[in-house]
């Protein structure tokens, strides 16, 4: 029905991302850890795709000690899902 959401939650036990850095790491090219190789695009791409589809990406502390990423997207109805499949 209306208002239903698909929620994907990922927790890790890594070093996490400080609360004050979380808004920055969803911008292209920004990385939380400069010592670890990467392009700084991963969270930015997820955030962009979430917004395009009417959802959001939230970052928080994980109970495992690292980072929790929660992706929420509006759930598509069965008719929409069938038409997307073909």
N, C-alpha and C. Protein backbone atom coordinates (compact mmCIF):
# COMPACT_ATOMS: atom_id res chain seq x y z
N UNK A 1 0.80 -1.18 0.00
CA UNK A 1 0.00 0.00 0.00
C UNK A 1 0.85 1.25 0.00
N UNK A 2 0.20 2.39 0.01
CA UNK A 2 0.92 3.66 0.03
C UNK A 2 1.74 3.77 1.32
N UNK A 3 2.91 4.35 1.20
CA UNK A 3 3.76 4.57 2.36
C UNK A 3 4.63 3.38 2.73
N UNK A 4 4.47 2.25 2.05
CA UNK A 4 5.32 1.10 2.35
C UNK A 4 6.72 1.36 1.82
N UNK A 5 7.72 0.85 2.55
CA UNK A 5 9.10 1.09 2.19
C UNK A 5 9.88 -0.22 2.16
N UNK A 6 10.86 -0.24 1.30
CA UNK A 6 11.87 -1.28 1.31
C UNK A 6 13.03 -0.73 2.13
N UNK A 7 13.45 -1.44 3.15
CA UNK A 7 14.53 -0.98 4.01
C UNK A 7 15.67 -1.99 3.96
N UNK A 8 16.85 -1.50 3.64
CA UNK A 8 18.06 -2.33 3.64
C UNK A 8 19.00 -1.72 4.68
N UNK A 9 19.37 -2.54 5.66
CA UNK A 9 20.25 -2.06 6.71
C UNK A 9 21.52 -2.90 6.71
N UNK A 10 22.66 -2.21 6.74
CA UNK A 10 23.96 -2.87 6.78
C UNK A 10 24.73 -2.35 7.98
N UNK A 11 25.19 -3.27 8.83
CA UNK A 11 26.02 -2.92 9.97
C UNK A 11 27.40 -3.52 9.78
N UNK A 12 28.42 -2.79 10.19
CA UNK A 12 29.76 -3.37 10.19
C UNK A 12 30.43 -3.09 11.53
N UNK A 13 31.55 -3.76 11.72
CA UNK A 13 32.29 -3.60 12.97
C UNK A 13 33.64 -2.91 12.74
N UNK A 14 33.72 -2.13 11.66
CA UNK A 14 34.94 -1.39 11.34
C UNK A 14 35.12 -0.17 12.23
N UNK A 15 35.93 0.76 11.78
CA UNK A 15 36.23 1.94 12.59
C UNK A 15 35.10 2.95 12.60
N UNK A 16 34.13 2.80 11.70
CA UNK A 16 32.99 3.70 11.67
C UNK A 16 33.34 5.04 11.05
N UNK A 17 32.39 5.93 11.04
CA UNK A 17 32.56 7.29 10.54
C UNK A 17 31.99 8.22 11.59
N UNK A 18 32.79 9.17 12.02
CA UNK A 18 32.35 10.11 13.06
C UNK A 18 31.09 10.84 12.62
N UNK A 19 30.22 11.12 13.56
CA UNK A 19 28.94 11.78 13.26
C UNK A 19 29.15 13.07 12.48
N UNK A 20 30.19 13.82 12.80
CA UNK A 20 30.45 15.08 12.12
C UNK A 20 30.94 14.94 10.70
N UNK A 21 31.34 13.74 10.30
CA UNK A 21 31.84 13.48 8.94
C UNK A 21 30.80 12.85 8.03
N UNK A 22 29.68 12.42 8.58
CA UNK A 22 28.72 11.62 7.80
C UNK A 22 28.08 12.39 6.66
N UNK A 23 27.78 13.66 6.85
CA UNK A 23 27.21 14.44 5.75
C UNK A 23 28.22 14.60 4.62
N UNK A 24 29.49 14.71 4.97
CA UNK A 24 30.54 14.92 3.96
C UNK A 24 30.79 13.67 3.13
N UNK A 25 30.75 12.48 3.74
CA UNK A 25 31.14 11.27 3.01
C UNK A 25 30.14 10.84 1.95
N UNK A 26 28.98 11.48 1.89
CA UNK A 26 28.05 11.16 0.80
C UNK A 26 28.25 12.11 -0.39
N UNK A 27 29.24 13.00 -0.30
CA UNK A 27 29.59 13.85 -1.43
C UNK A 27 30.67 13.15 -2.25
N UNK A 28 30.60 13.31 -3.55
CA UNK A 28 31.56 12.66 -4.46
C UNK A 28 33.00 13.04 -4.12
N UNK A 29 33.84 12.01 -4.08
CA UNK A 29 35.27 12.22 -3.88
C UNK A 29 35.70 12.34 -2.42
N UNK A 30 34.76 12.33 -1.50
CA UNK A 30 35.10 12.45 -0.08
C UNK A 30 35.17 11.05 0.52
N UNK A 31 36.28 10.76 1.20
CA UNK A 31 36.47 9.46 1.85
C UNK A 31 36.65 9.68 3.34
N UNK A 32 36.19 8.72 4.12
CA UNK A 32 36.32 8.80 5.57
C UNK A 32 37.76 8.53 6.00
N UNK A 33 38.44 7.66 5.29
CA UNK A 33 39.79 7.25 5.67
C UNK A 33 40.72 7.43 4.48
N UNK A 34 41.58 8.42 4.55
CA UNK A 34 42.49 8.71 3.44
C UNK A 34 43.59 7.66 3.29
N UNK A 35 43.79 6.81 4.30
CA UNK A 35 44.83 5.78 4.23
C UNK A 35 44.36 4.53 3.49
N UNK A 36 43.06 4.41 3.28
CA UNK A 36 42.51 3.25 2.58
C UNK A 36 42.24 3.65 1.14
N UNK A 37 42.74 2.86 0.16
CA UNK A 37 42.50 3.22 -1.24
C UNK A 37 41.01 3.26 -1.57
N UNK A 38 40.66 4.14 -2.46
CA UNK A 38 39.28 4.25 -2.92
C UNK A 38 39.08 5.55 -3.65
N UNK A 39 37.94 5.66 -4.30
CA UNK A 39 37.64 6.86 -5.09
C UNK A 39 36.71 7.82 -4.38
N UNK A 40 36.09 7.38 -3.27
CA UNK A 40 35.14 8.24 -2.58
C UNK A 40 33.82 8.37 -3.32
N UNK A 41 33.45 7.35 -4.08
CA UNK A 41 32.21 7.42 -4.86
C UNK A 41 31.09 6.53 -4.31
N UNK A 42 31.42 5.49 -3.57
CA UNK A 42 30.43 4.48 -3.17
C UNK A 42 29.21 5.05 -2.48
N UNK A 43 29.39 5.72 -1.35
CA UNK A 43 28.24 6.25 -0.62
C UNK A 43 27.55 7.37 -1.38
N UNK A 44 28.33 8.11 -2.16
CA UNK A 44 27.75 9.17 -2.98
C UNK A 44 26.78 8.60 -4.02
N UNK A 45 27.19 7.53 -4.66
CA UNK A 45 26.34 6.90 -5.67
C UNK A 45 25.07 6.33 -5.04
N UNK A 46 25.22 5.67 -3.90
CA UNK A 46 24.04 5.11 -3.21
C UNK A 46 23.09 6.24 -2.80
N UNK A 47 23.64 7.33 -2.27
CA UNK A 47 22.80 8.46 -1.87
C UNK A 47 22.08 9.07 -3.07
N UNK A 48 22.80 9.26 -4.18
CA UNK A 48 22.18 9.80 -5.39
C UNK A 48 21.05 8.91 -5.90
N UNK A 49 21.30 7.60 -5.97
CA UNK A 49 20.27 6.67 -6.45
C UNK A 49 19.06 6.64 -5.52
N UNK A 50 19.31 6.69 -4.22
CA UNK A 50 18.20 6.73 -3.27
C UNK A 50 17.32 7.95 -3.51
N UNK A 51 17.93 9.11 -3.66
CA UNK A 51 17.17 10.35 -3.86
C UNK A 51 16.40 10.33 -5.19
N UNK A 52 17.04 9.83 -6.24
CA UNK A 52 16.39 9.74 -7.56
C UNK A 52 15.10 8.92 -7.46
N UNK A 53 15.13 7.90 -6.62
CA UNK A 53 13.98 7.00 -6.50
C UNK A 53 13.08 7.34 -5.33
N UNK A 54 13.24 8.54 -4.77
CA UNK A 54 12.35 8.99 -3.70
C UNK A 54 12.67 8.42 -2.33
N UNK A 55 13.89 7.95 -2.16
CA UNK A 55 14.29 7.37 -0.88
C UNK A 55 15.38 8.17 -0.21
N UNK A 56 16.02 7.54 0.75
CA UNK A 56 17.10 8.22 1.45
C UNK A 56 18.10 7.21 2.00
N UNK A 57 19.32 7.70 2.20
CA UNK A 57 20.39 6.94 2.84
C UNK A 57 20.69 7.63 4.16
N UNK A 58 20.68 6.86 5.24
CA UNK A 58 21.04 7.40 6.55
C UNK A 58 22.22 6.63 7.10
N UNK A 59 23.13 7.34 7.73
CA UNK A 59 24.31 6.74 8.36
C UNK A 59 24.24 6.98 9.86
N UNK A 60 24.61 5.96 10.63
CA UNK A 60 24.55 6.06 12.09
C UNK A 60 25.60 5.13 12.68
N UNK A 61 25.74 5.18 13.99
CA UNK A 61 26.60 4.23 14.69
C UNK A 61 25.95 2.86 14.67
N UNK A 62 26.75 1.83 14.47
CA UNK A 62 26.25 0.46 14.49
C UNK A 62 26.42 -0.12 15.89
N UNK A 63 25.50 -0.96 16.32
CA UNK A 63 25.70 -1.64 17.60
C UNK A 63 26.90 -2.58 17.57
N UNK A 64 27.41 -2.87 16.38
CA UNK A 64 28.61 -3.71 16.25
C UNK A 64 29.88 -2.91 16.46
N UNK A 65 29.76 -1.58 16.57
CA UNK A 65 30.92 -0.73 16.82
C UNK A 65 31.36 0.09 15.63
N UNK A 66 30.89 -0.24 14.44
CA UNK A 66 31.28 0.49 13.23
C UNK A 66 30.17 1.41 12.75
N UNK A 67 29.85 1.26 11.48
CA UNK A 67 28.86 2.12 10.83
C UNK A 67 27.60 1.33 10.50
N UNK A 68 26.47 1.98 10.63
CA UNK A 68 25.19 1.43 10.15
C UNK A 68 24.75 2.31 8.98
N UNK A 69 24.48 1.68 7.85
CA UNK A 69 23.93 2.38 6.69
C UNK A 69 22.52 1.85 6.48
N UNK A 70 21.56 2.75 6.40
CA UNK A 70 20.16 2.36 6.19
C UNK A 70 19.68 3.02 4.90
N UNK A 71 19.30 2.19 3.95
CA UNK A 71 18.76 2.66 2.67
C UNK A 71 17.27 2.40 2.69
N UNK A 72 16.48 3.45 2.52
CA UNK A 72 15.03 3.32 2.46
C UNK A 72 14.55 3.78 1.09
N UNK A 73 13.75 2.93 0.45
CA UNK A 73 13.17 3.24 -0.86
C UNK A 73 11.68 2.97 -0.80
N UNK A 74 10.88 3.76 -1.53
CA UNK A 74 9.45 3.47 -1.58
C UNK A 74 9.25 2.09 -2.22
N UNK A 75 8.37 1.30 -1.64
CA UNK A 75 8.09 -0.02 -2.20
C UNK A 75 7.20 0.14 -3.42
N UNK A 76 7.54 -0.56 -4.49
CA UNK A 76 6.73 -0.53 -5.70
C UNK A 76 5.57 -1.51 -5.54
N UNK A 77 4.43 -1.17 -6.10
CA UNK A 77 3.30 -2.08 -6.08
C UNK A 77 3.57 -3.27 -6.99
N UNK A 78 2.76 -4.29 -6.89
CA UNK A 78 2.95 -5.49 -7.71
C UNK A 78 2.86 -5.18 -9.20
N UNK A 79 1.96 -4.31 -9.60
CA UNK A 79 1.81 -3.98 -11.02
C UNK A 79 3.08 -3.30 -11.53
N UNK A 80 3.62 -2.39 -10.75
CA UNK A 80 4.85 -1.70 -11.15
C UNK A 80 6.00 -2.68 -11.24
N UNK A 81 6.08 -3.61 -10.31
CA UNK A 81 7.16 -4.59 -10.32
C UNK A 81 7.05 -5.50 -11.54
N UNK A 82 5.83 -5.92 -11.88
CA UNK A 82 5.66 -6.78 -13.06
C UNK A 82 6.04 -6.05 -14.33
N UNK A 83 5.65 -4.79 -14.45
CA UNK A 83 5.96 -4.05 -15.68
C UNK A 83 7.45 -3.80 -15.80
N UNK A 84 8.16 -3.67 -14.69
CA UNK A 84 9.60 -3.45 -14.73
C UNK A 84 10.32 -4.71 -15.18
N UNK A 85 9.77 -5.87 -14.85
CA UNK A 85 10.38 -7.14 -15.22
C UNK A 85 10.15 -7.45 -16.68
N UNK A 86 9.04 -7.05 -17.22
CA UNK A 86 8.90 -7.26 -18.63
C UNK A 86 7.60 -7.68 -19.10
